[in-house]
């Protein structure tokens, strides 16, 4: 029974969680790895995760925390080749929006990913990120203003071409 419940959760949540993590990281390949790791951890602790008020938020938070852990371990490594660039259109997110999201500070990207892409309420986002609800609102407001400005500039430049 537990297996079927998790399988249903995975099928219904994978794509939306992936889009949220892509929005937060700006990197499709990295997001796929992070989401896979988060779902693996969820499976291993499914009894606990299934009781979480928002298991999707748990997945995204674990994915983003995993990114930080990986970065800390790898920050002293030297890349031997250039990294392959992933086209934004492949991420399932509008390319102009994804590029604008990449310009936002990390916490604003996380708030947008959880609040907009996962459609979580402010209190759930605050609990997930460990910040106050007012801070979530402030980050979201700043992010929306920055995105609106970026996308308006992008649209006007496209119109001139």
Foldseek 3Di string as FASTA:
>chain_A
DLVVVLVVCCVVQVLLLLLLLCLLPVANVLSVVLLVVLSVVCSVVVVVLVPDPDSSLSSNLSSVVVVVVVCVVCVPPDDPDDDDDDQPVVSVDPRLLSVLSVPAPNVLSNLCSCCPSVVDDLVVSCVSVVHDSVVSVVSPVVSVVSSVVSVVVVVVVVVVD
